Structures are given as C-alpha cells and as structure tokens.
N, C-alpha and C. Protein backbone atom coordinates (compact mmCIF):
# COMPACT_ATOMS: atom_id res chain seq x y z
N MET A 1 -19.98 30.74 8.61
CA MET A 1 -19.47 30.12 7.40
C MET A 1 -20.63 29.54 6.58
N ASN A 2 -20.46 29.57 5.32
CA ASN A 2 -21.43 28.98 4.42
C ASN A 2 -21.28 27.46 4.44
N ILE A 3 -22.36 26.71 4.30
CA ILE A 3 -22.33 25.26 4.36
C ILE A 3 -21.49 24.68 3.23
N GLN A 4 -21.44 25.34 2.07
CA GLN A 4 -20.62 24.87 0.95
C GLN A 4 -19.13 24.96 1.29
N VAL A 5 -18.75 26.01 1.97
CA VAL A 5 -17.33 26.17 2.37
C VAL A 5 -16.96 25.09 3.37
N VAL A 6 -17.86 24.78 4.29
CA VAL A 6 -17.59 23.75 5.29
C VAL A 6 -17.42 22.38 4.60
N ILE A 7 -18.27 22.09 3.64
CA ILE A 7 -18.17 20.82 2.91
C ILE A 7 -16.86 20.74 2.14
N VAL A 8 -16.46 21.82 1.50
CA VAL A 8 -15.20 21.84 0.74
C VAL A 8 -14.01 21.66 1.68
N VAL A 9 -14.04 22.31 2.82
CA VAL A 9 -12.93 22.18 3.78
C VAL A 9 -12.85 20.74 4.30
N ILE A 10 -14.00 20.13 4.60
CA ILE A 10 -13.99 18.74 5.07
C ILE A 10 -13.45 17.81 3.99
N LEU A 11 -13.86 18.00 2.76
CA LEU A 11 -13.35 17.16 1.65
C LEU A 11 -11.85 17.36 1.45
N PHE A 12 -11.38 18.61 1.58
CA PHE A 12 -9.96 18.89 1.41
C PHE A 12 -9.15 18.21 2.52
N VAL A 13 -9.63 18.29 3.75
CA VAL A 13 -8.92 17.65 4.87
C VAL A 13 -8.91 16.14 4.71
N ALA A 14 -10.03 15.57 4.27
CA ALA A 14 -10.10 14.12 4.05
C ALA A 14 -9.13 13.69 2.95
N ALA A 15 -9.07 14.47 1.87
CA ALA A 15 -8.14 14.14 0.76
C ALA A 15 -6.69 14.26 1.22
N ALA A 16 -6.38 15.29 1.98
CA ALA A 16 -5.01 15.47 2.49
C ALA A 16 -4.63 14.32 3.44
N ALA A 17 -5.57 13.89 4.27
CA ALA A 17 -5.30 12.77 5.18
C ALA A 17 -5.07 11.48 4.39
N TYR A 18 -5.87 11.27 3.37
CA TYR A 18 -5.72 10.08 2.51
C TYR A 18 -4.35 10.07 1.84
N LEU A 19 -3.95 11.18 1.25
CA LEU A 19 -2.64 11.25 0.60
C LEU A 19 -1.51 11.11 1.60
N GLY A 20 -1.66 11.72 2.76
CA GLY A 20 -0.64 11.59 3.79
C GLY A 20 -0.48 10.18 4.26
N ARG A 21 -1.60 9.47 4.43
CA ARG A 21 -1.55 8.08 4.88
C ARG A 21 -0.86 7.21 3.83
N ASN A 22 -1.21 7.41 2.54
CA ASN A 22 -0.58 6.64 1.48
C ASN A 22 0.92 6.93 1.39
N MET A 23 1.31 8.19 1.56
CA MET A 23 2.72 8.53 1.52
C MET A 23 3.46 7.90 2.69
N TYR A 24 2.85 7.92 3.87
CA TYR A 24 3.48 7.32 5.04
C TYR A 24 3.66 5.81 4.84
N LYS A 25 2.62 5.15 4.32
CA LYS A 25 2.71 3.71 4.09
C LYS A 25 3.77 3.38 3.05
N THR A 26 3.97 4.25 2.07
CA THR A 26 4.98 4.02 1.05
C THR A 26 6.38 4.22 1.60
N LEU A 27 6.58 5.26 2.36
CA LEU A 27 7.92 5.58 2.87
C LEU A 27 8.34 4.72 4.04
N PHE A 28 7.40 4.33 4.88
CA PHE A 28 7.72 3.57 6.07
C PHE A 28 7.01 2.22 6.04
N ALA A 29 7.25 1.48 4.98
CA ALA A 29 6.62 0.17 4.82
C ALA A 29 7.18 -0.80 5.84
N LYS A 30 6.37 -1.78 6.20
CA LYS A 30 6.80 -2.82 7.14
C LYS A 30 7.90 -3.64 6.50
N LYS A 31 8.77 -4.14 7.32
CA LYS A 31 9.80 -5.04 6.83
C LYS A 31 9.19 -6.44 6.68
N GLY A 32 9.62 -7.16 5.70
CA GLY A 32 9.16 -8.52 5.54
C GLY A 32 8.13 -8.65 4.44
N CYS A 33 7.44 -9.75 4.50
CA CYS A 33 6.52 -10.12 3.43
C CYS A 33 5.13 -9.57 3.65
N GLY A 34 4.46 -9.39 2.53
CA GLY A 34 3.04 -9.09 2.57
C GLY A 34 2.27 -10.40 2.51
N THR A 35 1.00 -10.32 2.27
CA THR A 35 0.21 -11.53 2.19
C THR A 35 0.38 -12.17 0.82
N ASN A 36 0.47 -13.48 0.83
CA ASN A 36 0.52 -14.28 -0.39
C ASN A 36 1.70 -13.94 -1.30
N CYS A 37 2.87 -13.68 -0.72
CA CYS A 37 4.02 -13.33 -1.55
C CYS A 37 4.92 -14.54 -1.83
N LYS A 38 4.71 -15.63 -1.12
CA LYS A 38 5.46 -16.88 -1.32
C LYS A 38 6.95 -16.72 -1.06
N CYS A 39 7.32 -15.85 -0.13
CA CYS A 39 8.73 -15.67 0.21
C CYS A 39 9.30 -16.88 0.94
N GLY A 40 8.47 -17.61 1.65
CA GLY A 40 8.93 -18.75 2.41
C GLY A 40 9.01 -20.03 1.61
N VAL A 41 8.77 -19.99 0.31
CA VAL A 41 8.80 -21.19 -0.52
C VAL A 41 10.24 -21.55 -0.82
N ASP A 42 10.57 -22.82 -0.69
CA ASP A 42 11.91 -23.32 -0.97
C ASP A 42 12.01 -23.74 -2.43
N PHE A 43 12.79 -22.98 -3.20
CA PHE A 43 12.96 -23.26 -4.62
C PHE A 43 14.27 -24.00 -4.91
N SER A 44 14.90 -24.60 -3.90
CA SER A 44 16.19 -25.24 -4.12
C SER A 44 16.07 -26.51 -4.98
N ASN A 45 14.93 -27.17 -5.00
CA ASN A 45 14.76 -28.39 -5.80
C ASN A 45 14.26 -28.13 -7.20
N VAL A 46 14.02 -26.90 -7.55
CA VAL A 46 13.53 -26.57 -8.88
C VAL A 46 14.68 -26.50 -9.86
N GLN A 47 14.54 -27.21 -10.96
CA GLN A 47 15.60 -27.22 -11.96
C GLN A 47 15.25 -26.23 -13.06
N PRO A 48 16.14 -25.30 -13.37
CA PRO A 48 15.85 -24.32 -14.41
C PRO A 48 15.77 -24.97 -15.80
N GLY A 49 14.89 -24.47 -16.63
CA GLY A 49 14.77 -24.94 -18.00
C GLY A 49 13.87 -26.15 -18.17
N LYS A 50 13.29 -26.67 -17.11
CA LYS A 50 12.41 -27.84 -17.20
C LYS A 50 10.97 -27.36 -17.08
N HIS A 51 10.36 -26.99 -18.19
CA HIS A 51 8.98 -26.54 -18.21
C HIS A 51 8.08 -27.64 -18.73
N LYS A 52 6.84 -27.64 -18.29
CA LYS A 52 5.88 -28.62 -18.79
C LYS A 52 5.29 -28.17 -20.09
C-alpha cells in the first residue's frame, strides 16, 4: 500500500470513531445533571416579578 492511502484510511477511521462517539453520547446520555447546571438549587423562596 502507498503511504498516502494508509494515512487517508487512518484519518477516515479516526473521523468515523469521533462521529460514532458523539452520536453515542447524544443518544445514550447519562441521566441527571451535568456540571454546573444548578438543578439542586431551591427556588421556592424566589418571588416572581421582583427584579433589582
């Protein structure tokens, strides 16, 4: 095989793996919160319409 063909095949496999990983992460996302999402913040004491 020519070295250029080997490089192209390696790049193609790397790109396919990258896209596959992103698709997997999108379709099978973890349940729950990510980092810094503030899901655990208690907003029960916040009064609507009171802005500074």
